[in-house]
Amino acid sequence: MQIRIEIDVKPEELRRFLGLPDVAGLQDDLLKFVRDKVDQVNETFNPGDFVKGNFDQLRQSPAWKRLMTRLAVNIEDAEAAAAAETPAKAGRRKTRRAPRKKPA
């Protein structure tokens, strides 16, 4: 035996029925506050300073240094292979990977 009950109510009606508080006014106030704060930041925001400051921090990170080292090695290998490549060896290229550091 199966019993199925369907209740068709709007969210506002269900909140009132369950005795939950009406938070619509609170949501409106919160959105207005956030919009005001974003507008204040937009007036004083300088993208150049933001990018420069964050990029300086990025360049000091170990992950950035590893990436740059690997790119430099790959570029050097590609340039060396292109300089040494003859038409007969056009299909074969040897690439060298950057050495991996052992975990500390």
C-alpha atoms as a PDB file:
ATOM      1  CA  MET A   1       0.000   0.000   0.000  1.00  0.00           C
ATOM      2  CA  GLN A   2       1.286   3.430  -0.927  1.00  0.00           C
ATOM      3  CA  ILE A   3      -0.013   6.733   0.257  1.00  0.00           C
ATOM      4  CA  ARG A   4       1.043   9.806  -1.579  1.00  0.00           C
ATOM      5  CA  ILE A   5       0.316  13.334  -0.436  1.00  0.00           C
ATOM      6  CA  GLU A   6       1.120  16.360  -2.541  1.00  0.00           C
ATOM      7  CA  ILE A   7       0.975  19.814  -1.068  1.00  0.00           C
ATOM      8  CA  ASP A   8       1.167  22.777  -3.387  1.00  0.00           C
ATOM      9  CA  VAL A   9       2.318  25.833  -1.440  1.00  0.00           C
ATOM     10  CA  LYS A  10       4.523  28.800  -2.116  1.00  0.00           C
ATOM     11  CA  PRO A  11       7.749  29.120  -0.093  1.00  0.00           C
ATOM     12  CA  GLU A  12       6.369  32.163   1.742  1.00  0.00           C
ATOM     13  CA  GLU A  13       3.244  30.238   2.786  1.00  0.00           C
ATOM     14  CA  LEU A  14       5.311  27.286   4.005  1.00  0.00           C
ATOM     15  CA  ARG A  15       7.569  29.576   6.072  1.00  0.00           C
ATOM     16  CA  ARG A  16       4.539  31.197   7.690  1.00  0.00           C
ATOM     17  CA  PHE A  17       2.931  27.796   8.340  1.00  0.00           C
ATOM     18  CA  LEU A  18       6.097  26.437   9.970  1.00  0.00           C
ATOM     19  CA  GLY A  19       6.551  29.618  11.998  1.00  0.00           C
ATOM     20  CA  LEU A  20       9.869  30.557  10.440  1.00  0.00           C
ATOM     21  CA  PRO A  21      10.795  34.237  10.515  1.00  0.00           C
ATOM     22  CA  ASP A  22      10.392  36.425   7.443  1.00  0.00           C
ATOM     23  CA  VAL A  23      13.958  37.187   6.337  1.00  0.00           C
ATOM     24  CA  ALA A  24      13.164  39.076   3.126  1.00  0.00           C
ATOM     25  CA  GLY A  25      13.870  42.446   4.773  1.00  0.00           C
ATOM     26  CA  LEU A  26      17.140  41.160   6.221  1.00  0.00           C
ATOM     27  CA  GLN A  27      18.223  39.862   2.803  1.00  0.00           C
ATOM     28  CA  ASP A  28      17.455  43.232   1.198  1.00  0.00           C
ATOM     29  CA  ASP A  29      19.445  45.075   3.872  1.00  0.00           C
ATOM     30  CA  LEU A  30      22.388  42.698   3.473  1.00  0.00           C
ATOM     31  CA  LEU A  31      22.439  43.083  -0.324  1.00  0.00           C
ATOM     32  CA  LYS A  32      22.296  46.876  -0.007  1.00  0.00           C
ATOM     33  CA  PHE A  33      25.223  46.794   2.450  1.00  0.00           C
ATOM     34  CA  VAL A  34      27.321  44.595   0.152  1.00  0.00           C
ATOM     35  CA  ARG A  35      26.548  46.773  -2.889  1.00  0.00           C
ATOM     36  CA  ASP A  36      27.576  49.908  -0.966  1.00  0.00           C
ATOM     37  CA  LYS A  37      30.867  48.288   0.077  1.00  0.00           C
ATOM     38  CA  VAL A  38      31.612  47.171  -3.490  1.00  0.00           C
ATOM     39  CA  ASP A  39      30.901  50.698  -4.767  1.00  0.00           C
ATOM     40  CA  GLN A  40      33.297  52.148  -2.177  1.00  0.00           C
ATOM     41  CA  VAL A  41      36.029  49.740  -3.236  1.00  0.00           C
ATOM     42  CA  ASN A  42      35.451  50.510  -6.920  1.00  0.00           C
ATOM     43  CA  GLU A  43      36.072  54.210  -6.299  1.00  0.00           C
ATOM     44  CA  THR A  44      39.513  53.617  -4.745  1.00  0.00           C
ATOM     45  CA  PHE A  45      40.533  50.477  -6.629  1.00  0.00           C
ATOM     46  CA  ASN A  46      43.635  50.781  -8.815  1.00  0.00           C
ATOM     47  CA  PRO A  47      44.112  47.691 -11.025  1.00  0.00           C
ATOM     48  CA  GLY A  48      47.782  48.472 -11.651  1.00  0.00           C
ATOM     49  CA  ASP A  49      48.659  48.359  -7.961  1.00  0.00           C
ATOM     50  CA  PHE A  50      46.573  45.221  -7.472  1.00  0.00           C
ATOM     51  CA  VAL A  51      48.283  43.322 -10.306  1.00  0.00           C
ATOM     52  CA  LYS A  52      51.782  44.522  -9.411  1.00  0.00           C
ATOM     53  CA  GLY A  53      51.433  43.629  -5.730  1.00  0.00           C
ATOM     54  CA  ASN A  54      50.037  40.168  -6.394  1.00  0.00           C
ATOM     55  CA  PHE A  55      52.496  39.440  -9.191  1.00  0.00           C
ATOM     56  CA  ASP A  56      55.425  40.291  -6.925  1.00  0.00           C
ATOM     57  CA  GLN A  57      54.150  37.769  -4.373  1.00  0.00           C
ATOM     58  CA  LEU A  58      53.650  35.175  -7.111  1.00  0.00           C
ATOM     59  CA  ARG A  59      57.201  35.590  -8.407  1.00  0.00           C
ATOM     60  CA  GLN A  60      58.594  34.871  -4.930  1.00  0.00           C
ATOM     61  CA  SER A  61      56.715  31.582  -4.572  1.00  0.00           C
ATOM     62  CA  PRO A  62      58.549  28.267  -5.041  1.00  0.00           C
ATOM     63  CA  ALA A  63      55.931  27.060  -7.539  1.00  0.00           C
ATOM     64  CA  TRP A  64      56.596  30.044  -9.824  1.00  0.00           C
ATOM     65  CA  LYS A  65      60.358  29.471  -9.634  1.00  0.00           C
ATOM     66  CA  ARG A  66      59.929  25.786 -10.561  1.00  0.00           C
ATOM     67  CA  LEU A  67      57.687  26.727 -13.480  1.00  0.00           C
ATOM     68  CA  MET A  68      60.164  29.284 -14.813  1.00  0.00           C
ATOM     69  CA  THR A  69      63.041  26.817 -14.485  1.00  0.00           C
ATOM     70  CA  ARG A  70      61.146  24.175 -16.449  1.00  0.00           C
ATOM     71  CA  LEU A  71      60.149  26.664 -19.129  1.00  0.00           C
ATOM     72  CA  ALA A  72      63.721  27.887 -19.496  1.00  0.00           C
ATOM     73  CA  VAL A  73      65.012  24.326 -19.902  1.00  0.00           C
ATOM     74  CA  ASN A  74      62.297  23.482 -22.450  1.00  0.00           C
ATOM     75  CA  ILE A  75      62.953  26.655 -24.457  1.00  0.00           C
ATOM     76  CA  GLU A  76      66.699  26.001 -24.498  1.00  0.00           C
ATOM     77  CA  ASP A  77      66.081  22.421 -25.635  1.00  0.00           C
ATOM     78  CA  ALA A  78      63.692  23.536 -28.373  1.00  0.00           C
ATOM     79  CA  GLU A  79      66.150  26.156 -29.642  1.00  0.00           C
ATOM     80  CA  ALA A  80      69.013  23.666 -29.621  1.00  0.00           C
ATOM     81  CA  ALA A  81      66.914  21.065 -31.422  1.00  0.00           C
ATOM     82  CA  ALA A  82      65.784  23.589 -34.027  1.00  0.00           C
ATOM     83  CA  ALA A  83      69.370  24.717 -34.644  1.00  0.00           C
ATOM     84  CA  ALA A  84      70.663  21.142 -34.983  1.00  0.00           C
ATOM     85  CA  GLU A  85      67.705  19.851 -36.984  1.00  0.00           C
ATOM     86  CA  THR A  86      68.297  18.897 -40.592  1.00  0.00           C
ATOM     87  CA  PRO A  87      65.616  18.046 -43.168  1.00  0.00           C
ATOM     88  CA  ALA A  88      66.365  14.325 -42.741  1.00  0.00           C
ATOM     89  CA  LYS A  89      65.766  14.469 -38.998  1.00  0.00           C
ATOM     90  CA  ALA A  90      62.661  16.684 -39.132  1.00  0.00           C
ATOM     91  CA  GLY A  91      60.434  14.030 -37.566  1.00  0.00           C
ATOM     92  CA  ARG A  92      62.691  13.178 -34.625  1.00  0.00           C
ATOM     93  CA  ARG A  93      63.184  15.582 -31.750  1.00  0.00           C
ATOM     94  CA  LYS A  94      64.778  14.840 -28.445  1.00  0.00           C
ATOM     95  CA  THR A  95      63.585  16.819 -25.481  1.00  0.00           C
ATOM     96  CA  ARG A  96      65.078  16.862 -22.063  1.00  0.00           C
ATOM     97  CA  ARG A  97      63.034  17.232 -18.913  1.00  0.00           C
ATOM     98  CA  ALA A  98      64.036  19.450 -16.055  1.00  0.00           C
ATOM     99  CA  PRO A  99      65.620  17.441 -13.232  1.00  0.00           C
ATOM    100  CA  ARG A 100      63.249  16.710 -10.382  1.00  0.00           C
ATOM    101  CA  LYS A 101      64.163  17.742  -6.895  1.00  0.00           C
ATOM    102  CA  LYS A 102      64.013  15.138  -4.181  1.00  0.00           C
ATOM    103  CA  PRO A 103      61.410  15.851  -1.491  1.00  0.00           C
ATOM    104  CA  ALA A 104      62.918  17.108   1.725  1.00  0.00           C
END
